Structures are given as C-alpha cells and as structure tokens.
Amino acid sequence: MSRTEIQILGQKYTLKGEASEEYMKELAAYVDAKIKEVLRKSPGINPLNASILAALNIAEELHGLKKEQEIVAKNIDEKASILTSLFEEG
C-alpha cells in the first residue's frame, strides 16, 4: 500500500491506497478543480458547501456515465443476440 501526499484547496492530505501516486494525484487535481469551479461560480460560498456541491456534480457525472454504459452494454447484448441467431440459423 502506497502513501501519497496531495493538496486540495491548499490543504495537504495523505492518501493510502493500492493505486499509483500519479493516479491519486490526478484524482485529487480533478476534485480540486471541481471545487474551485464551484467557488468561481459562487464567490460567496464557503469551502465546505463548495465541496459538497462539487461532490454532487461529480456524482451526477458518474451517474450519467453509468447510465450511458448500461445503454451501450444493452445495445451490445442485443446485437450479439442477433448475430448469434444468424449463425444458429445457418
């Protein structure tokens, strides 16, 4: 298990995990950018509320991607069934 020091909104954190240091820093940079985006759009908001809104935005992105993936997987299954039936008939 590796330890990686990251920064979010200027605060230092130490992450422990199996992922590479580069990957953990990439994730931290993404979260930091999302929080800063909320802070830019709502200058009077406090950092905690900005963090919560950023988390909700990230959750919305994840949820949307999962839905897209489900649709793609369903389309692949349907096409695979069609192709399989064509081979079975032949």
PDB file of N, CA and C in Angstrom:
ATOM      1  N   MET A   1       0.856  -1.169   0.000  1.00  0.00           N
ATOM      2  CA  MET A   1       0.000   0.000   0.000  1.00  0.00           C
ATOM      3  C   MET A   1       0.908   1.239   0.000  1.00  0.00           C
ATOM      4  N   SER A   2       0.649   2.140  -0.932  1.00  0.00           N
ATOM      5  CA  SER A   2       1.490   3.338  -1.018  1.00  0.00           C
ATOM      6  C   SER A   2       0.816   4.528  -0.354  1.00  0.00           C
ATOM      7  N   ARG A   3       1.625   5.513   0.000  1.00  0.00           N
ATOM      8  CA  ARG A   3       1.144   6.754   0.612  1.00  0.00           C
ATOM      9  C   ARG A   3       1.494   7.882  -0.352  1.00  0.00           C
ATOM     10  N   THR A   4       0.521   8.751  -0.585  1.00  0.00           N
ATOM     11  CA  THR A   4       0.724   9.873  -1.498  1.00  0.00           C
ATOM     12  C   THR A   4       0.211  11.140  -0.855  1.00  0.00           C
ATOM     13  N   GLU A   5       1.018  12.174  -0.892  1.00  0.00           N
ATOM     14  CA  GLU A   5       0.592  13.465  -0.372  1.00  0.00           C
ATOM     15  C   GLU A   5      -0.044  14.259  -1.513  1.00  0.00           C
ATOM     16  N   ILE A   6      -1.238  14.772  -1.239  1.00  0.00           N
ATOM     17  CA  ILE A   6      -1.970  15.564  -2.232  1.00  0.00           C
ATOM     18  C   ILE A   6      -2.385  16.882  -1.610  1.00  0.00           C
ATOM     19  N   GLN A   7      -2.863  17.792  -2.454  1.00  0.00           N
ATOM     20  CA  GLN A   7      -3.389  19.064  -1.961  1.00  0.00           C
ATOM     21  C   GLN A   7      -4.737  19.335  -2.609  1.00  0.00           C
ATOM     22  N   ILE A   8      -5.676  19.746  -1.776  1.00  0.00           N
ATOM     23  CA  ILE A   8      -6.988  20.189  -2.255  1.00  0.00           C
ATOM     24  C   ILE A   8      -7.282  21.498  -1.538  1.00  0.00           C
ATOM     25  N   LEU A   9      -7.538  22.538  -2.319  1.00  0.00           N
ATOM     26  CA  LEU A   9      -7.750  23.896  -1.800  1.00  0.00           C
ATOM     27  C   LEU A   9      -6.627  24.323  -0.853  1.00  0.00           C
ATOM     28  N   GLY A  10      -5.405  23.957  -1.213  1.00  0.00           N
ATOM     29  CA  GLY A  10      -4.250  24.357  -0.418  1.00  0.00           C
ATOM     30  C   GLY A  10      -4.011  23.534   0.827  1.00  0.00           C
ATOM     31  N   GLN A  11      -4.921  22.615   1.142  1.00  0.00           N
ATOM     32  CA  GLN A  11      -4.786  21.747   2.322  1.00  0.00           C
ATOM     33  C   GLN A  11      -4.064  20.469   1.905  1.00  0.00           C
ATOM     34  N   LYS A  12      -3.111  20.049   2.712  1.00  0.00           N
ATOM     35  CA  LYS A  12      -2.384  18.818   2.423  1.00  0.00           C
ATOM     36  C   LYS A  12      -3.098  17.629   3.057  1.00  0.00           C
ATOM     37  N   TYR A  13      -3.159  16.542   2.298  1.00  0.00           N
ATOM     38  CA  TYR A  13      -3.748  15.293   2.771  1.00  0.00           C
ATOM     39  C   TYR A  13      -2.809  14.159   2.362  1.00  0.00           C
ATOM     40  N   THR A  14      -2.805  13.092   3.144  1.00  0.00           N
ATOM     41  CA  THR A  14      -2.050  11.904   2.783  1.00  0.00           C
ATOM     42  C   THR A  14      -3.044  10.795   2.470  1.00  0.00           C
ATOM     43  N   LEU A  15      -2.934  10.268   1.262  1.00  0.00           N
ATOM     44  CA  LEU A  15      -3.799   9.167   0.837  1.00  0.00           C
ATOM     45  C   LEU A  15      -3.017   7.868   0.909  1.00  0.00           C
ATOM     46  N   LYS A  16      -3.697   6.814   1.305  1.00  0.00           N
ATOM     47  CA  LYS A  16      -3.111   5.473   1.304  1.00  0.00           C
ATOM     48  C   LYS A  16      -3.934   4.631   0.354  1.00  0.00           C
ATOM     49  N   GLY A  17      -3.273   3.859  -0.478  1.00  0.00           N
ATOM     50  CA  GLY A  17      -4.031   3.012  -1.387  1.00  0.00           C
ATOM     51  C   GLY A  17      -3.150   2.182  -2.278  1.00  0.00           C
ATOM     52  N   GLU A  18      -3.805   1.350  -3.041  1.00  0.00           N
ATOM     53  CA  GLU A  18      -3.120   0.463  -3.975  1.00  0.00           C
ATOM     54  C   GLU A  18      -2.807   1.169  -5.294  1.00  0.00           C
ATOM     55  N   ALA A  19      -3.514   2.261  -5.564  1.00  0.00           N
ATOM     56  CA  ALA A  19      -3.334   2.976  -6.831  1.00  0.00           C
ATOM     57  C   ALA A  19      -1.973   3.669  -6.850  1.00  0.00           C
ATOM     58  N   SER A  20      -1.529   3.981  -8.054  1.00  0.00           N
ATOM     59  CA  SER A  20      -0.243   4.654  -8.200  1.00  0.00           C
ATOM     60  C   SER A  20      -0.324   6.085  -7.679  1.00  0.00           C
ATOM     61  N   GLU A  21       0.831   6.624  -7.331  1.00  0.00           N
ATOM     62  CA  GLU A  21       0.906   8.003  -6.858  1.00  0.00           C
ATOM     63  C   GLU A  21       0.365   8.949  -7.930  1.00  0.00           C
ATOM     64  N   GLU A  22       0.713   8.697  -9.164  1.00  0.00           N
ATOM     65  CA  GLU A  22       0.253   9.542 -10.278  1.00  0.00           C
ATOM     66  C   GLU A  22      -1.270   9.551 -10.372  1.00  0.00           C
ATOM     67  N   TYR A  23      -1.882   8.386 -10.233  1.00  0.00           N
ATOM     68  CA  TYR A  23      -3.333   8.277 -10.318  1.00  0.00           C
ATOM     69  C   TYR A  23      -4.019   9.015  -9.172  1.00  0.00           C
ATOM     70  N   MET A  24      -3.499   8.844  -7.951  1.00  0.00           N
ATOM     71  CA  MET A  24      -4.100   9.516  -6.792  1.00  0.00           C
ATOM     72  C   MET A  24      -3.980  11.034  -6.926  1.00  0.00           C
ATOM     73  N   LYS A  25      -2.845  11.502  -7.437  1.00  0.00           N
ATOM     74  CA  LYS A  25      -2.666  12.939  -7.639  1.00  0.00           C
ATOM     75  C   LYS A  25      -3.595  13.452  -8.743  1.00  0.00           C
ATOM     76  N   GLU A  26      -3.810  12.635  -9.754  1.00  0.00           N
ATOM     77  CA  GLU A  26      -4.736  13.003 -10.828  1.00  0.00           C
ATOM     78  C   GLU A  26      -6.156  13.149 -10.284  1.00  0.00           C
ATOM     79  N   LEU A  27      -6.583  12.215  -9.443  1.00  0.00           N
ATOM     80  CA  LEU A  27      -7.913  12.294  -8.837  1.00  0.00           C
ATOM     81  C   LEU A  27      -8.040  13.529  -7.954  1.00  0.00           C
ATOM     82  N   ALA A  28      -7.015  13.788  -7.159  1.00  0.00           N
ATOM     83  CA  ALA A  28      -7.028  14.952  -6.274  1.00  0.00           C
ATOM     84  C   ALA A  28      -7.096  16.243  -7.084  1.00  0.00           C
ATOM     85  N   ALA A  29      -6.359  16.304  -8.172  1.00  0.00           N
ATOM     86  CA  ALA A  29      -6.379  17.500  -9.026  1.00  0.00           C
ATOM     87  C   ALA A  29      -7.769  17.697  -9.625  1.00  0.00           C
ATOM     88  N   TYR A  30      -8.432  16.599  -9.975  1.00  0.00           N
ATOM     89  CA  TYR A  30      -9.785  16.678 -10.540  1.00  0.00           C
ATOM     90  C   TYR A  30     -10.757  17.230  -9.495  1.00  0.00           C
ATOM     91  N   VAL A  31     -10.696  16.696  -8.284  1.00  0.00           N
ATOM     92  CA  VAL A  31     -11.571  17.157  -7.201  1.00  0.00           C
ATOM     93  C   VAL A  31     -11.281  18.624  -6.889  1.00  0.00           C
ATOM     94  N   ASP A  32     -10.014  18.974  -6.808  1.00  0.00           N
ATOM     95  CA  ASP A  32      -9.618  20.357  -6.539  1.00  0.00           C
ATOM     96  C   ASP A  32     -10.180  21.290  -7.606  1.00  0.00           C
ATOM     97  N   ALA A  33     -10.075  20.896  -8.856  1.00  0.00           N
ATOM     98  CA  ALA A  33     -10.588  21.725  -9.952  1.00  0.00           C
ATOM     99  C   ALA A  33     -12.102  21.878  -9.877  1.00  0.00           C
ATOM    100  N   LYS A  34     -12.799  20.815  -9.514  1.00  0.00           N
ATOM    101  CA  LYS A  34     -14.255  20.875  -9.408  1.00  0.00           C
ATOM    102  C   LYS A  34     -14.693  21.817  -8.286  1.00  0.00           C
ATOM    103  N   ILE A  35     -13.994  21.752  -7.157  1.00  0.00           N
ATOM    104  CA  ILE A  35     -14.328  22.648  -6.037  1.00  0.00           C
ATOM    105  C   ILE A  35     -14.048  24.096  -6.436  1.00  0.00           C
ATOM    106  N   LYS A  36     -12.907  24.327  -7.058  1.00  0.00           N
ATOM    107  CA  LYS A  36     -12.557  25.684  -7.491  1.00  0.00           C
ATOM    108  C   LYS A  36     -13.547  26.219  -8.527  1.00  0.00           C
ATOM    109  N   GLU A  37     -14.062  25.350  -9.364  1.00  0.00           N
ATOM    110  CA  GLU A  37     -15.088  25.747 -10.345  1.00  0.00           C
ATOM    111  C   GLU A  37     -16.336  26.253  -9.625  1.00  0.00           C
ATOM    112  N   VAL A  38     -16.767  25.535  -8.587  1.00  0.00           N
ATOM    113  CA  VAL A  38     -17.930  25.962  -7.801  1.00  0.00           C
ATOM    114  C   VAL A  38     -17.631  27.293  -7.112  1.00  0.00           C
ATOM    115  N   LEU A  39     -16.438  27.427  -6.546  1.00  0.00           N
ATOM    116  CA  LEU A  39     -16.062  28.671  -5.878  1.00  0.00           C
ATOM    117  C   LEU A  39     -16.037  29.855  -6.852  1.00  0.00           C
ATOM    118  N   ARG A  40     -15.591  29.613  -8.076  1.00  0.00           N
ATOM    119  CA  ARG A  40     -15.570  30.663  -9.103  1.00  0.00           C
ATOM    120  C   ARG A  40     -16.981  31.107  -9.471  1.00  0.00           C
ATOM    121  N   LYS A  41     -17.873  30.129  -9.582  1.00  0.00           N
ATOM    122  CA  LYS A  41     -19.246  30.437  -9.993  1.00  0.00           C
ATOM    123  C   LYS A  41     -20.069  31.039  -8.860  1.00  0.00           C
ATOM    124  N   SER A  42     -19.694  30.755  -7.629  1.00  0.00           N
ATOM    125  CA  SER A  42     -20.412  31.260  -6.457  1.00  0.00           C
ATOM    126  C   SER A  42     -19.403  31.839  -5.473  1.00  0.00           C
ATOM    127  N   PRO A  43     -18.920  33.051  -5.729  1.00  0.00           N
ATOM    128  CA  PRO A  43     -17.829  33.619  -4.940  1.00  0.00           C
ATOM    129  C   PRO A  43     -18.083  33.711  -3.437  1.00  0.00           C
ATOM    130  N   GLY A  44     -19.305  33.840  -2.974  1.00  0.00           N
ATOM    131  CA  GLY A  44     -19.576  33.994  -1.549  1.00  0.00           C
ATOM    132  C   GLY A  44     -19.715  32.695  -0.792  1.00  0.00           C
ATOM    133  N   ILE A  45     -19.657  31.577  -1.476  1.00  0.00           N
ATOM    134  CA  ILE A  45     -19.893  30.278  -0.842  1.00  0.00           C
ATOM    135  C   ILE A  45     -18.682  29.866   0.002  1.00  0.00           C
ATOM    136  N   ASN A  46     -18.950  29.188   1.116  1.00  0.00           N
ATOM    137  CA  ASN A  46     -17.824  28.735   1.934  1.00  0.00           C
ATOM    138  C   ASN A  46     -17.263  27.422   1.362  1.00  0.00           C
ATOM    139  N   PRO A  47     -16.008  27.125   1.673  1.00  0.00           N
ATOM    140  CA  PRO A  47     -15.361  25.941   1.086  1.00  0.00           C
ATOM    141  C   PRO A  47     -16.078  24.622   1.361  1.00  0.00           C
ATOM    142  N   LEU A  48     -16.683  24.467   2.537  1.00  0.00           N
ATOM    143  CA  LEU A  48     -17.396  23.222   2.827  1.00  0.00           C
ATOM    144  C   LEU A  48     -18.579  23.051   1.883  1.00  0.00           C
ATOM    145  N   ASN A  49     -19.383  24.082   1.733  1.00  0.00           N
ATOM    146  CA  ASN A  49     -20.531  23.995   0.831  1.00  0.00           C
ATOM    147  C   ASN A  49     -20.088  23.825  -0.612  1.00  0.00           C
ATOM    148  N   ALA A  50     -18.994  24.477  -0.987  1.00  0.00           N
ATOM    149  CA  ALA A  50     -18.454  24.306  -2.340  1.00  0.00           C
ATOM    150  C   ALA A  50     -18.028  22.856  -2.557  1.00  0.00           C
ATOM    151  N   SER A  51     -17.435  22.259  -1.533  1.00  0.00           N
ATOM    152  CA  SER A  51     -17.002  20.859  -1.623  1.00  0.00           C
ATOM    153  C   SER A  51     -18.196  19.923  -1.786  1.00  0.00           C
ATOM    154  N   ILE A  52     -19.267  20.210  -1.054  1.00  0.00           N
ATOM    155  CA  ILE A  52     -20.475  19.378  -1.155  1.00  0.00           C
ATOM    156  C   ILE A  52     -21.090  19.513  -2.542  1.00  0.00           C
ATOM    157  N   LEU A  53     -21.178  20.735  -3.050  1.00  0.00           N
ATOM    158  CA  LEU A  53     -21.721  20.925  -4.406  1.00  0.00           C
ATOM    159  C   LEU A  53     -20.835  20.260  -5.448  1.00  0.00           C
ATOM    160  N   ALA A  54     -19.522  20.352  -5.277  1.00  0.00           N
ATOM    161  CA  ALA A  54     -18.601  19.694  -6.205  1.00  0.00           C
ATOM    162  C   ALA A  54     -18.795  18.178  -6.158  1.00  0.00           C
ATOM    163  N   ALA A  55     -18.980  17.633  -4.954  1.00  0.00           N
ATOM    164  CA  ALA A  55     -19.218  16.186  -4.818  1.00  0.00           C
ATOM    165  C   ALA A  55     -20.506  15.784  -5.526  1.00  0.00           C
ATOM    166  N   LEU A  56     -21.536  16.609  -5.398  1.00  0.00           N
ATOM    167  CA  LEU A  56     -22.794  16.328  -6.098  1.00  0.00           C
ATOM    168  C   LEU A  56     -22.614  16.394  -7.616  1.00  0.00           C
ATOM    169  N   ASN A  57     -21.825  17.359  -8.084  1.00  0.00           N
ATOM    170  CA  ASN A  57     -21.553  17.454  -9.523  1.00  0.00           C
ATOM    171  C   ASN A  57     -20.797  16.223 -10.021  1.00  0.00           C
ATOM    172  N   ILE A  58     -19.818  15.778  -9.241  1.00  0.00           N
ATOM    173  CA  ILE A  58     -19.059  14.577  -9.610  1.00  0.00           C
ATOM    174  C   ILE A  58     -19.971  13.349  -9.585  1.00  0.00           C
ATOM    175  N   ALA A  59     -20.845  13.261  -8.582  1.00  0.00           N
ATOM    176  CA  ALA A  59     -21.790  12.138  -8.507  1.00  0.00           C
ATOM    177  C   ALA A  59     -22.728  12.133  -9.707  1.00  0.00           C
ATOM    178  N   GLU A  60     -23.154  13.322 -10.124  1.00  0.00           N
ATOM    179  CA  GLU A  60     -24.014  13.417 -11.308  1.00  0.00           C
ATOM    180  C   GLU A  60     -23.275  12.931 -12.554  1.00  0.00           C
ATOM    181  N   GLU A  61     -22.013  13.315 -12.693  1.00  0.00           N
ATOM    182  CA  GLU A  61     -21.211  12.834 -13.824  1.00  0.00           C
ATOM    183  C   GLU A  61     -21.103  11.317 -13.801  1.00  0.00           C
ATOM    184  N   LEU A  62     -20.792  10.764 -12.636  1.00  0.00           N
ATOM    185  CA  LEU A  62     -20.649   9.314 -12.502  1.00  0.00           C
ATOM    186  C   LEU A  62     -21.950   8.602 -12.830  1.00  0.00           C
ATOM    187  N   HIS A  63     -23.045   9.113 -12.291  1.00  0.00           N
ATOM    188  CA  HIS A  63     -24.350   8.503 -12.534  1.00  0.00           C
ATOM    189  C   HIS A  63     -24.687   8.519 -14.026  1.00  0.00           C
ATOM    190  N   GLY A  64     -24.426   9.654 -14.674  1.00  0.00           N
ATOM    191  CA  GLY A  64     -24.683   9.757 -16.115  1.00  0.00           C
ATOM    192  C   GLY A  64     -23.839   8.778 -16.914  1.00  0.00           C
ATOM    193  N   LEU A  65     -22.574   8.639 -16.546  1.00  0.00           N
ATOM    194  CA  LEU A  65     -21.698   7.700 -17.247  1.00  0.00           C
ATOM    195  C   LEU A  65     -22.136   6.257 -17.040  1.00  0.00           C
ATOM    196  N   LYS A  66     -22.596   5.941 -15.827  1.00  0.00           N
ATOM    197  CA  LYS A  66     -23.093   4.582 -15.568  1.00  0.00           C
ATOM    198  C   LYS A  66     -24.321   4.287 -16.422  1.00  0.00           C
ATOM    199  N   LYS A  67     -25.221   5.261 -16.535  1.00  0.00           N
ATOM    200  CA  LYS A  67     -26.412   5.069 -17.365  1.00  0.00           C
ATOM    201  C   LYS A  67     -26.020   4.857 -18.826  1.00  0.00           C
ATOM    202  N   GLU A  68     -25.080   5.669 -19.314  1.00  0.00           N
ATOM    203  CA  GLU A  68     -24.603   5.512 -20.694  1.00  0.00           C
ATOM    204  C   GLU A  68     -23.992   4.136 -20.895  1.00  0.00           C
ATOM    205  N   GLN A  69     -23.203   3.685 -19.925  1.00  0.00           N
ATOM    206  CA  GLN A  69     -22.568   2.379 -20.022  1.00  0.00           C
ATOM    207  C   GLN A  69     -23.608   1.259 -20.058  1.00  0.00           C
ATOM    208  N   GLU A  70     -24.669   1.397 -19.263  1.00  0.00           N
ATOM    209  CA  GLU A  70     -25.744   0.402 -19.268  1.00  0.00           C
ATOM    210  C   GLU A  70     -26.413   0.338 -20.637  1.00  0.00           C
ATOM    211  N   ILE A  71     -26.640   1.500 -21.248  1.00  0.00           N
ATOM    212  CA  ILE A  71     -27.267   1.549 -22.573  1.00  0.00           C
ATOM    213  C   ILE A  71     -26.365   0.892 -23.611  1.00  0.00           C
ATOM    214  N   VAL A  72     -25.075   1.212 -23.559  1.00  0.00           N
ATOM    215  CA  VAL A  72     -24.124   0.617 -24.505  1.00  0.00           C
ATOM    216  C   VAL A  72     -24.072  -0.897 -24.313  1.00  0.00           C
ATOM    217  N   ALA A  73     -24.006  -1.354 -23.068  1.00  0.00           N
ATOM    218  CA  ALA A  73     -23.955  -2.790 -22.792  1.00  0.00           C
ATOM    219  C   ALA A  73     -25.217  -3.484 -23.297  1.00  0.00           C
ATOM    220  N   LYS A  74     -26.368  -2.846 -23.111  1.00  0.00           N
ATOM    221  CA  LYS A  74     -27.633  -3.423 -23.592  1.00  0.00           C
ATOM    222  C   LYS A  74     -27.619  -3.520 -25.116  1.00  0.00           C
ATOM    223  N   ASN A  75     -27.155  -2.465 -25.793  1.00  0.00           N
ATOM    224  CA  ASN A  75     -27.075  -2.493 -27.255  1.00  0.00           C
ATOM    225  C   ASN A  75     -26.132  -3.591 -27.748  1.00  0.00           C
ATOM    226  N   ILE A  76     -25.006  -3.759 -27.060  1.00  0.00           N
ATOM    227  CA  ILE A  76     -24.064  -4.810 -27.436  1.00  0.00           C
ATOM    228  C   ILE A  76     -24.706  -6.178 -27.260  1.00  0.00           C
ATOM    229  N   ASP A  77     -25.406  -6.383 -26.140  1.00  0.00           N
ATOM    230  CA  ASP A  77     -26.078  -7.663 -25.900  1.00  0.00           C
ATOM    231  C   ASP A  77     -27.122  -7.956 -26.975  1.00  0.00           C
ATOM    232  N   GLU A  78     -27.899  -6.929 -27.345  1.00  0.00           N
ATOM    233  CA  GLU A  78     -28.917  -7.111 -28.376  1.00  0.00           C
ATOM    234  C   GLU A  78     -28.291  -7.468 -29.722  1.00  0.00           C
ATOM    235  N   LYS A  79     -27.215  -6.769 -30.080  1.00  0.00           N
ATOM    236  CA  LYS A  79     -26.550  -7.058 -31.351  1.00  0.00           C
ATOM    237  C   LYS A  79     -25.890  -8.427 -31.336  1.00  0.00           C
ATOM    238  N   ALA A  80     -25.312  -8.813 -30.194  1.00  0.00           N
ATOM    239  CA  ALA A  80     -24.707 -10.142 -30.063  1.00  0.00           C
ATOM    240  C   ALA A  80     -25.760 -11.231 -30.203  1.00  0.00           C
ATOM    241  N   SER A  81     -26.957 -10.999 -29.646  1.00  0.00           N
ATOM    242  CA  SER A  81     -28.042 -11.982 -29.774  1.00  0.00           C
ATOM    243  C   SER A  81     -28.473 -12.129 -31.226  1.00  0.00           C
ATOM    244  N   ILE A  82     -28.564 -11.000 -31.918  1.00  0.00           N
ATOM    245  CA  ILE A  82     -28.943 -11.038 -33.342  1.00  0.00           C
ATOM    246  C   ILE A  82     -27.905 -11.812 -34.143  1.00  0.00           C
ATOM    247  N   LEU A  83     -26.626 -11.523 -33.914  1.00  0.00           N
ATOM    248  CA  LEU A  83     -25.564 -12.227 -34.637  1.00  0.00           C
ATOM    249  C   LEU A  83     -25.555 -13.714 -34.302  1.00  0.00           C
ATOM    250  N   THR A  84     -25.768 -14.041 -33.041  1.00  0.00           N
ATOM    251  CA  THR A  84     -25.788 -15.451 -32.626  1.00  0.00           C
ATOM    252  C   THR A  84     -26.936 -16.171 -33.306  1.00  0.00           C
ATOM    253  N   SER A  85     -28.099 -15.530 -33.381  1.00  0.00           N
ATOM    254  CA  SER A  85     -29.243 -16.182 -34.031  1.00  0.00           C
ATOM    255  C   SER A  85     -28.991 -16.380 -35.517  1.00  0.00           C
ATOM    256  N   LEU A  86     -28.268 -15.480 -36.152  1.00  0.00           N
ATOM    257  CA  LEU A  86     -27.935 -15.635 -37.577  1.00  0.00           C
ATOM    258  C   LEU A  86     -27.036 -16.839 -37.806  1.00  0.00           C
ATOM    259  N   PHE A  87     -26.078 -17.057 -36.897  1.00  0.00           N
ATOM    260  CA  PHE A  87     -25.198 -18.212 -37.030  1.00  0.00           C
ATOM    261  C   PHE A  87     -25.918 -19.516 -36.731  1.00  0.00           C
ATOM    262  N   GLU A  88     -26.874 -19.481 -35.806  1.00  0.00           N
ATOM    263  CA  GLU A  88     -27.618 -20.673 -35.456  1.00  0.00           C
ATOM    264  C   GLU A  88     -28.538 -21.104 -36.588  1.00  0.00           C
ATOM    265  N   GLU A  89     -29.059 -20.124 -37.348  1.00  0.00           N
ATOM    266  CA  GLU A  89     -29.962 -20.434 -38.448  1.00  0.00           C
ATOM    267  C   GLU A  89     -29.210 -21.020 -39.630  1.00  0.00           C
ATOM    268  N   GLY A  90     -27.951 -20.627 -39.779  1.00  0.00           N
ATOM    269  CA  GLY A  90     -27.159 -21.029 -40.950  1.00  0.00           C
ATOM    270  C   GLY A  90     -26.604 -22.379 -40.832  1.00  0.00           C
TER     271      GLY A  90
END
